[in-house]
Amino acid sequence: MSGWFTELEDVLYSIVEYIPLVGTVYSLKRAIIAYTTEDWKRYWQSVGNFLESSARDVILLSEIAEPIPVVLLHTMAESFTDKMLELYHHDPKKPEIEITKNLDKRSGHVLIAESSQGKFESEVFGGKAKGLHHFHGAVFIGTLTDSRYAPNGEEIRFDIPRGLYDGARVTFSWKWTTDWNGNKNRPEATYGRIKLKAGTPTGFELSSRKGAAGWEGYNFWGQVVSKDQIKAKTTINGRETQIVFERLAGT
């Protein structure tokens, strides 16, 4: 049956399908053959034509309407069905993009669709969107040093569960070697929301923050040096200190 559907058969079918009863039966037979050969485009075309022909034949035999309007409506419906099937089975067109610059094969590239050139470019390449993908679920580890509360340095963790973007939730957590009340190894944390600052490298600060026990928490700000390194600063009782965060492997 694989050789059933030929150009000659297509021509014959285009004539026979409009003959009452004959076209209906032939459409059914054509659908069965197309099903066995898994020719799904012709199968659904034939099924659609069979149903339309059946409705046409019922109307003609029962003399509900005049033959000419019925045939015209059937032809219109058949054309619509064929066009819909053609669109459904048509291979999607791939957009043609003209690239006038040499691209670095070692880097990833972003294609931006915009109604006017440069409309969204500053937001994406200015650091407003790229962090969502590169930093999703990232954890950074650094060392927090303070002459009074962490003289030998304490590990500080920077969690970025949803990525770096305006409004992203982040957490800084660490412990004091000895806090202001003399308590040893007391845990501390600041929970906040990121505010990105366009530039090279991309800067950040906390638009809002909250510390342990409900106070406002420590402020953090800095620069996103790369996807593996972030440099941040904070102030502890008027003393500014810098922290170099390195990305934890596997995050």
Protein backbone atom coordinates (compact mmCIF):
# COMPACT_ATOMS: atom_id res chain seq x y z
CA MET A 1 0.00 0.00 0.00
CA SER A 2 3.03 2.28 0.29
CA GLY A 3 2.77 3.15 -3.43
CA TRP A 4 -0.96 3.92 -3.33
CA PHE A 5 -0.63 7.67 -2.98
CA THR A 6 0.79 9.02 -6.22
CA GLU A 7 0.37 12.26 -8.16
CA LEU A 8 -2.15 10.50 -10.43
CA GLU A 9 -4.13 9.30 -7.40
CA ASP A 10 -4.21 12.89 -6.04
CA VAL A 11 -5.66 14.12 -9.34
CA LEU A 12 -8.28 11.36 -9.44
CA TYR A 13 -9.26 12.00 -5.83
CA SER A 14 -9.70 15.72 -6.47
CA ILE A 15 -12.36 14.74 -9.06
CA VAL A 16 -14.01 11.81 -7.31
CA GLU A 17 -14.38 13.40 -3.86
CA TYR A 18 -17.11 15.74 -5.08
CA ILE A 19 -19.30 12.94 -6.53
CA PRO A 20 -22.11 12.10 -4.07
CA LEU A 21 -21.77 8.67 -2.40
CA VAL A 22 -18.75 7.74 -4.56
CA GLY A 23 -16.59 10.48 -3.03
CA THR A 24 -17.76 9.58 0.46
CA VAL A 25 -16.87 5.90 0.09
CA TYR A 26 -13.55 6.71 -1.57
CA SER A 27 -12.63 9.15 1.22
CA LEU A 28 -13.27 6.40 3.78
CA LYS A 29 -11.13 3.92 1.83
CA ARG A 30 -8.39 6.53 1.46
CA ALA A 31 -8.44 7.19 5.21
CA ILE A 32 -8.04 3.46 5.96
CA ILE A 33 -5.05 3.15 3.59
CA ALA A 34 -3.44 6.30 5.00
CA TYR A 35 -3.87 4.91 8.53
CA THR A 36 -2.13 1.62 7.67
CA THR A 37 0.79 3.51 6.10
CA GLU A 38 0.89 6.05 8.96
CA ASP A 39 0.44 8.92 6.52
CA TRP A 40 -1.24 11.11 9.12
CA LYS A 41 -1.66 14.21 7.01
CA ARG A 42 -3.62 12.30 4.32
CA TYR A 43 -5.41 10.31 7.01
CA TRP A 44 -6.91 13.34 8.73
CA GLN A 45 -7.56 15.01 5.38
CA SER A 46 -9.54 11.96 4.24
CA VAL A 47 -11.39 11.66 7.56
CA GLY A 48 -12.38 15.32 7.35
CA ASN A 49 -13.52 14.96 3.75
CA PHE A 50 -15.45 11.79 4.65
CA LEU A 51 -17.39 13.59 7.36
CA GLU A 52 -18.08 16.60 5.13
CA SER A 53 -19.14 14.34 2.22
CA SER A 54 -21.42 12.34 4.51
CA ALA A 55 -23.18 15.52 5.64
CA ARG A 56 -23.43 16.66 2.04
CA ASP A 57 -24.93 13.34 0.88
CA VAL A 58 -27.51 13.29 3.69
CA ILE A 59 -28.66 16.80 2.79
CA LEU A 60 -28.82 16.00 -0.93
CA LEU A 61 -30.67 12.70 -0.50
CA SER A 62 -33.18 14.15 1.92
CA GLU A 63 -33.63 17.15 -0.41
CA ILE A 64 -33.33 19.58 2.47
CA ALA A 65 -31.50 22.09 0.29
CA GLU A 66 -30.73 22.78 -3.35
CA PRO A 67 -27.75 20.85 -4.79
CA ILE A 68 -25.68 23.85 -5.94
CA PRO A 69 -25.46 25.64 -2.54
CA VAL A 70 -24.71 22.33 -0.84
CA VAL A 71 -21.85 21.51 -3.23
CA LEU A 72 -20.42 25.04 -2.84
CA LEU A 73 -20.50 24.82 0.96
CA HIS A 74 -18.85 21.39 0.85
CA THR A 75 -16.10 22.73 -1.40
CA MET A 76 -15.46 25.66 0.93
CA ALA A 77 -15.36 23.39 3.98
CA GLU A 78 -13.03 20.94 2.23
CA SER A 79 -10.63 23.74 1.24
CA PHE A 80 -10.60 25.06 4.81
CA THR A 81 -9.87 21.58 6.20
CA ASP A 82 -7.02 20.99 3.76
CA LYS A 83 -5.47 24.36 4.56
CA MET A 84 -5.64 23.78 8.31
CA LEU A 85 -3.98 20.37 7.94
CA GLU A 86 -1.31 21.85 5.71
CA LEU A 87 -0.52 24.51 8.31
CA TYR A 88 -0.46 21.95 11.11
CA HIS A 89 1.94 19.58 9.35
CA HIS A 90 4.12 22.30 7.83
CA ASP A 91 7.64 22.46 9.23
CA PRO A 92 8.11 25.60 11.33
CA LYS A 93 10.17 28.29 9.70
CA LYS A 94 13.44 29.12 11.38
CA PRO A 95 14.07 32.84 11.68
CA GLU A 96 16.91 34.13 9.57
CA ILE A 97 19.24 36.35 11.57
CA GLU A 98 21.92 38.46 9.99
CA ILE A 99 25.01 38.64 12.18
CA THR A 100 27.48 41.32 11.15
CA LYS A 101 30.02 40.78 13.94
CA ASN A 102 32.34 37.90 14.74
CA LEU A 103 31.02 35.99 17.76
CA ASP A 104 33.24 34.49 20.42
CA LYS A 105 32.66 30.71 20.26
CA ARG A 106 33.67 30.37 23.92
CA SER A 107 30.87 32.63 25.10
CA GLY A 108 27.10 32.39 25.25
CA HIS A 109 25.02 34.93 23.36
CA VAL A 110 21.58 36.42 23.90
CA LEU A 111 19.18 37.33 21.09
CA ILE A 112 16.84 40.18 22.03
CA ALA A 113 13.64 40.84 20.10
CA GLU A 114 12.59 44.46 20.45
CA SER A 115 10.35 46.87 18.58
CA SER A 116 13.07 49.52 18.44
CA GLN A 117 16.82 49.04 18.59
CA GLY A 118 18.31 49.45 22.04
CA LYS A 119 14.96 49.44 23.88
CA PHE A 120 15.84 46.53 26.19
CA GLU A 121 19.57 46.31 25.51
CA SER A 122 20.58 48.44 28.49
CA GLU A 123 18.51 46.36 30.91
CA VAL A 124 19.92 43.02 29.76
CA PHE A 125 23.53 43.95 29.15
CA GLY A 126 23.60 46.44 31.98
CA GLY A 127 23.22 43.57 34.42
CA LYS A 128 19.47 43.64 35.03
CA ALA A 129 18.62 40.14 33.79
CA LYS A 130 21.72 37.98 33.36
CA GLY A 131 21.91 36.98 37.03
CA LEU A 132 18.67 35.02 36.93
CA HIS A 133 20.25 32.17 34.99
CA HIS A 134 23.89 32.30 36.11
CA PHE A 135 23.22 32.53 39.86
CA HIS A 136 20.07 30.46 40.36
CA GLY A 137 20.61 28.32 43.47
CA ALA A 138 24.16 29.58 43.96
CA VAL A 139 25.94 29.56 47.31
CA PHE A 140 29.02 31.70 47.96
CA ILE A 141 31.47 31.33 50.83
CA GLY A 142 33.75 34.05 52.17
CA THR A 143 35.57 35.16 55.32
CA LEU A 144 34.25 37.94 57.52
CA THR A 145 36.91 39.63 59.65
CA ASP A 146 36.33 42.21 62.35
CA SER A 147 38.98 43.36 64.84
CA ARG A 148 36.60 43.03 67.78
CA TYR A 149 34.00 40.36 67.01
CA ALA A 150 35.86 38.10 64.54
CA PRO A 151 39.56 38.87 64.82
CA ASN A 152 40.73 35.63 63.21
CA GLY A 153 38.00 35.63 60.57
CA GLU A 154 34.75 33.65 60.48
CA GLU A 155 33.16 31.88 57.53
CA ILE A 156 30.20 33.78 56.03
CA ARG A 157 27.72 32.26 53.62
CA PHE A 158 25.86 34.12 50.87
CA ASP A 159 22.78 32.21 49.61
CA ILE A 160 21.12 33.16 46.31
CA PRO A 161 18.21 30.72 45.97
CA ARG A 162 16.43 32.32 42.98
CA GLY A 163 19.19 34.19 41.15
CA LEU A 164 20.45 37.78 41.09
CA TYR A 165 17.89 40.27 39.82
CA ASP A 166 16.07 43.30 41.18
CA GLY A 167 14.02 42.13 44.14
CA ALA A 168 15.74 38.74 44.49
CA ARG A 169 15.79 37.34 48.03
CA VAL A 170 19.24 36.59 49.49
CA THR A 171 20.64 35.64 52.89
CA PHE A 172 23.98 36.35 54.54
CA SER A 173 24.70 34.07 57.51
CA TRP A 174 27.72 33.72 59.81
CA LYS A 175 28.72 33.61 63.47
CA TRP A 176 30.62 35.98 65.75
CA THR A 177 33.68 34.61 67.50
CA THR A 178 32.54 36.70 70.47
CA ASP A 179 29.60 39.10 70.29
CA TRP A 180 29.20 42.47 72.09
CA ASN A 181 27.76 40.71 75.14
CA GLY A 182 30.69 38.31 75.38
CA ASN A 183 28.76 35.31 74.00
CA LYS A 184 30.97 32.97 71.99
CA ASN A 185 30.11 31.53 68.56
CA ARG A 186 26.79 33.39 68.37
CA PRO A 187 25.01 32.97 64.99
CA GLU A 188 24.07 36.06 62.98
CA ALA A 189 22.18 36.62 59.71
CA THR A 190 20.81 39.28 57.42
CA TYR A 191 17.91 38.58 55.09
CA GLY A 192 17.41 41.05 52.24
CA ARG A 193 16.36 41.87 48.70
CA ILE A 194 18.85 42.65 45.95
CA LYS A 195 18.98 45.93 44.04
CA LEU A 196 21.28 45.72 41.02
CA LYS A 197 23.31 48.68 39.78
CA ALA A 198 24.21 48.77 36.10
CA GLY A 199 27.90 48.99 35.31
CA THR A 200 31.06 46.98 34.68
CA PRO A 201 31.20 44.96 36.80
CA THR A 202 27.57 44.90 37.87
CA GLY A 203 27.04 46.39 41.32
CA PHE A 204 24.48 45.50 43.96
CA GLU A 205 23.07 46.65 47.26
CA LEU A 206 20.18 45.66 49.51
CA SER A 207 16.95 47.53 48.84
CA SER A 208 15.52 46.13 52.07
CA ARG A 209 16.91 43.95 54.84
CA LYS A 210 16.10 42.35 58.15
CA GLY A 211 18.37 40.88 60.81
CA ALA A 212 18.03 38.29 63.52
CA ALA A 213 15.60 39.07 66.35
CA GLY A 214 13.78 41.59 64.14
CA TRP A 215 16.31 44.42 63.93
CA GLU A 216 17.18 45.96 60.55
CA GLY A 217 20.25 43.79 60.00
CA TYR A 218 23.69 44.54 58.56
CA ASN A 219 23.89 46.28 55.21
CA PHE A 220 25.80 44.62 52.36
CA TRP A 221 26.83 46.06 49.01
CA GLY A 222 29.45 45.30 46.37
CA GLN A 223 30.20 44.05 42.88
CA VAL A 224 29.51 40.87 40.90
CA VAL A 225 33.00 40.21 39.56
CA SER A 226 32.08 36.97 37.75
CA LYS A 227 29.70 34.06 38.12
CA ASP A 228 32.21 32.52 40.54
CA GLN A 229 33.27 35.56 42.55
CA ILE A 230 31.44 38.38 44.33
CA LYS A 231 33.11 41.14 46.32
CA ALA A 232 31.01 42.65 49.10
CA LYS A 233 31.37 45.16 51.92
CA THR A 234 29.56 45.71 55.18
CA THR A 235 29.89 48.04 58.18
CA ILE A 236 30.19 46.73 61.74
CA ASN A 237 29.88 49.45 64.39
CA GLY A 238 31.30 52.02 61.97
CA ARG A 239 34.13 49.73 60.82
CA GLU A 240 33.98 48.88 57.10
CA THR A 241 35.20 45.45 56.07
CA GLN A 242 35.46 43.72 52.69
CA ILE A 243 34.50 40.11 51.96
CA VAL A 244 35.57 38.14 48.90
CA PHE A 245 32.97 35.45 48.17
CA GLU A 246 33.87 32.40 46.10
CA ARG A 247 31.19 30.16 44.65
CA LEU A 248 30.70 26.82 46.37
CA ALA A 249 31.39 24.01 43.89
CA GLY A 250 28.28 22.30 42.59
CA THR A 251 25.91 25.22 43.18
